[in-house]
Amino acid sequence: MNVNYQTDETHAHQTITTNIHSHKSHIFKLLGTTTGIQQWFPELSFEEEKEGSRLAFDLGDNQYEYFDITNYESDSRIAYNWDQGHVDFTLEENGDTTTLTFKESLPYTFQTIANDFTGWYFQIQSVKKLAETGQPLSKSDFDFESKTKEIESSLKIDE
């Protein structure tokens, strides 16, 4: 897994690239369908699985936050707004493996950038494990605190 953090005048950026031993169409189903995404991010669901629709984030107590789907290319790319920022998943098949590239951009006005980057880092690892083994990564097997501190140090921004 290759991870890169960058900052510019207004945003912090995270790029994660990982090779997954699975077919592109299988991985896209995990990313781009309600049935798939809920296996690794159970709070998310699609209103419709297409560009121009929305992704719903279940906050609990019948409260939802909605994110616009800005790109939906079957088997190759899905992107959507994420709170004040944006996330983008791109898939490229290379023989019996698929390269997943995840990009996230958050403005400095987002209060918990390192926490969000850590969460997506975990989720990408979970997608990889799910695609390869049929089981997502357990939250208890991941050190969120250490990863968040590492990201804060890499970004050199105060939260």
Protein backbone atom coordinates (compact mmCIF):
# COMPACT_ATOMS: atom_id res chain seq x y z
CA MET A 1 0.00 0.00 0.00
CA ASN A 2 1.38 3.38 -1.02
CA VAL A 3 0.12 6.44 0.88
CA ASN A 4 0.86 10.07 0.14
CA TYR A 5 -0.22 13.18 2.06
CA GLN A 6 0.00 16.68 0.63
CA THR A 7 -1.20 20.13 1.52
CA ASP A 8 -1.80 23.24 -0.51
CA GLU A 9 -3.07 26.70 0.39
CA THR A 10 -6.62 25.55 1.17
CA HIS A 11 -6.77 21.74 1.39
CA ALA A 12 -5.15 18.60 2.74
CA HIS A 13 -4.96 15.64 0.36
CA GLN A 14 -4.60 11.91 0.87
CA THR A 15 -3.82 9.43 -1.92
CA ILE A 16 -3.79 5.69 -1.24
CA THR A 17 -2.83 3.16 -3.89
CA THR A 18 -3.10 -0.56 -3.25
CA ASN A 19 -3.09 -3.73 -5.33
CA ILE A 20 -5.97 -6.10 -4.66
CA HIS A 21 -5.97 -9.71 -5.77
CA SER A 22 -9.48 -9.63 -7.22
CA HIS A 23 -11.28 -8.62 -10.41
CA LYS A 24 -12.16 -5.01 -11.04
CA SER A 25 -15.89 -5.78 -11.41
CA HIS A 26 -15.98 -7.48 -7.98
CA ILE A 27 -14.21 -4.57 -6.27
CA PHE A 28 -16.48 -2.04 -7.98
CA LYS A 29 -19.53 -3.87 -6.58
CA LEU A 30 -18.02 -3.42 -3.10
CA LEU A 31 -17.53 0.31 -3.74
CA GLY A 32 -20.50 1.21 -5.92
CA THR A 33 -23.52 -0.73 -4.65
CA THR A 34 -25.43 -0.51 -1.38
CA THR A 35 -25.06 -4.26 -0.84
CA GLY A 36 -21.30 -4.01 -1.36
CA ILE A 37 -20.52 -0.81 0.51
CA GLN A 38 -22.46 -1.87 3.60
CA GLN A 39 -20.13 -4.86 4.01
CA TRP A 40 -17.27 -2.50 4.91
CA PHE A 41 -19.02 0.82 5.70
CA PRO A 42 -22.47 -0.14 7.05
CA GLU A 43 -23.62 3.46 7.58
CA LEU A 44 -23.54 4.21 3.83
CA SER A 45 -26.17 3.47 1.18
CA PHE A 46 -26.91 4.68 -2.33
CA GLU A 47 -30.21 6.36 -3.21
CA GLU A 48 -29.49 5.20 -6.75
CA GLU A 49 -26.30 3.64 -8.07
CA LYS A 50 -25.53 6.30 -10.68
CA GLU A 51 -23.90 9.68 -11.22
CA GLY A 52 -26.11 12.57 -10.14
CA SER A 53 -27.69 10.58 -7.32
CA ARG A 54 -26.72 10.72 -3.66
CA LEU A 55 -25.04 8.60 -1.03
CA ALA A 56 -26.74 8.56 2.38
CA PHE A 57 -24.73 8.43 5.61
CA ASP A 58 -26.82 7.06 8.49
CA LEU A 59 -26.00 9.13 11.58
CA GLY A 60 -28.42 7.12 13.73
CA ASP A 61 -31.75 8.14 15.24
CA ASN A 62 -33.25 8.43 11.74
CA GLN A 63 -30.79 11.24 10.90
CA TYR A 64 -28.94 11.23 7.56
CA GLU A 65 -26.30 13.27 5.81
CA TYR A 66 -26.30 13.15 2.00
CA PHE A 67 -23.40 13.35 -0.43
CA ASP A 68 -23.67 13.99 -4.16
CA ILE A 69 -22.25 11.32 -6.47
CA THR A 70 -20.11 13.27 -8.93
CA ASN A 71 -18.81 10.36 -10.99
CA TYR A 72 -20.07 6.80 -11.48
CA GLU A 73 -18.38 4.79 -14.21
CA SER A 74 -19.33 1.14 -13.86
CA ASP A 75 -16.37 -1.07 -12.96
CA SER A 76 -13.81 1.74 -13.07
CA ARG A 77 -14.56 4.88 -11.03
CA ILE A 78 -16.82 6.34 -8.38
CA ALA A 79 -16.49 9.76 -6.74
CA TYR A 80 -18.64 11.74 -4.36
CA ASN A 81 -18.66 14.74 -2.09
CA TRP A 82 -17.66 13.89 1.45
CA ASP A 83 -18.90 16.54 3.87
CA GLN A 84 -16.90 19.63 2.81
CA GLY A 85 -14.47 17.54 0.78
CA HIS A 86 -14.37 14.97 -1.98
CA VAL A 87 -13.39 11.31 -2.36
CA ASP A 88 -12.55 9.45 -5.57
CA PHE A 89 -12.00 5.72 -6.15
CA THR A 90 -10.41 4.55 -9.41
CA LEU A 91 -9.87 0.92 -10.42
CA GLU A 92 -7.41 -0.37 -13.00
CA GLU A 93 -7.14 -4.08 -13.75
CA ASN A 94 -3.66 -5.54 -14.22
CA GLY A 95 -3.98 -9.25 -14.97
CA ASP A 96 -5.19 -11.03 -11.84
CA THR A 97 -4.85 -7.93 -9.64
CA THR A 98 -6.63 -4.60 -9.60
CA THR A 99 -5.04 -1.33 -8.55
CA LEU A 100 -7.32 0.77 -6.37
CA THR A 101 -6.40 4.45 -6.17
CA PHE A 102 -8.26 6.43 -3.52
CA LYS A 103 -8.00 10.21 -3.35
CA GLU A 104 -9.46 12.45 -0.69
CA SER A 105 -9.35 16.20 -0.43
CA LEU A 106 -10.56 18.16 2.61
CA PRO A 107 -10.46 21.90 3.23
CA TYR A 108 -8.71 23.16 6.34
CA THR A 109 -12.12 24.28 7.63
CA PHE A 110 -12.92 20.57 8.16
CA GLN A 111 -12.29 20.16 11.89
CA THR A 112 -10.87 16.61 12.04
CA ILE A 113 -8.81 16.05 8.89
CA ALA A 114 -6.36 13.52 10.37
CA ASN A 115 -9.20 11.51 11.93
CA ASP A 116 -11.04 11.39 8.61
CA PHE A 117 -7.89 10.42 6.70
CA THR A 118 -7.29 7.66 9.27
CA GLY A 119 -10.84 6.41 8.84
CA TRP A 120 -10.48 6.20 5.06
CA TYR A 121 -7.06 4.55 5.41
CA PHE A 122 -8.73 1.87 7.53
CA GLN A 123 -11.63 1.56 5.08
CA ILE A 124 -9.32 1.03 2.08
CA GLN A 125 -7.53 -1.75 3.98
CA SER A 126 -10.93 -3.19 4.82
CA VAL A 127 -12.04 -3.16 1.17
CA LYS A 128 -8.82 -4.94 0.19
CA LYS A 129 -9.28 -7.64 2.84
CA LEU A 130 -12.98 -8.04 1.97
CA ALA A 131 -12.26 -8.39 -1.76
CA GLU A 132 -9.49 -10.91 -1.15
CA THR A 133 -10.91 -12.98 1.74
CA GLY A 134 -14.64 -12.27 1.96
CA GLN A 135 -14.24 -10.62 5.38
CA PRO A 136 -13.67 -6.90 6.13
CA LEU A 137 -10.95 -5.72 8.50
CA SER A 138 -12.05 -5.59 12.12
CA LYS A 139 -11.85 -2.18 13.81
CA SER A 140 -10.34 -3.91 16.84
CA ASP A 141 -7.39 -4.99 14.67
CA PHE A 142 -6.47 -1.42 13.75
CA ASP A 143 -4.62 1.20 15.82
CA PHE A 144 -6.58 4.35 14.99
CA GLU A 145 -4.78 6.53 17.54
CA SER A 146 -1.25 5.80 16.28
CA LYS A 147 -2.27 6.21 12.64
CA THR A 148 -3.98 9.54 13.37
CA LYS A 149 -0.84 10.84 15.13
CA GLU A 150 1.30 9.70 12.17
CA ILE A 151 -1.00 11.54 9.73
CA GLU A 152 -1.02 14.70 11.85
CA SER A 153 2.77 14.64 11.83
CA SER A 154 2.87 14.09 8.05
CA LEU A 155 0.42 16.90 7.33
CA LYS A 156 2.05 19.36 9.75
CA ILE A 157 -1.30 21.00 10.45
CA ASP A 158 -2.86 21.65 13.82
CA GLU A 159 -6.33 20.30 14.36
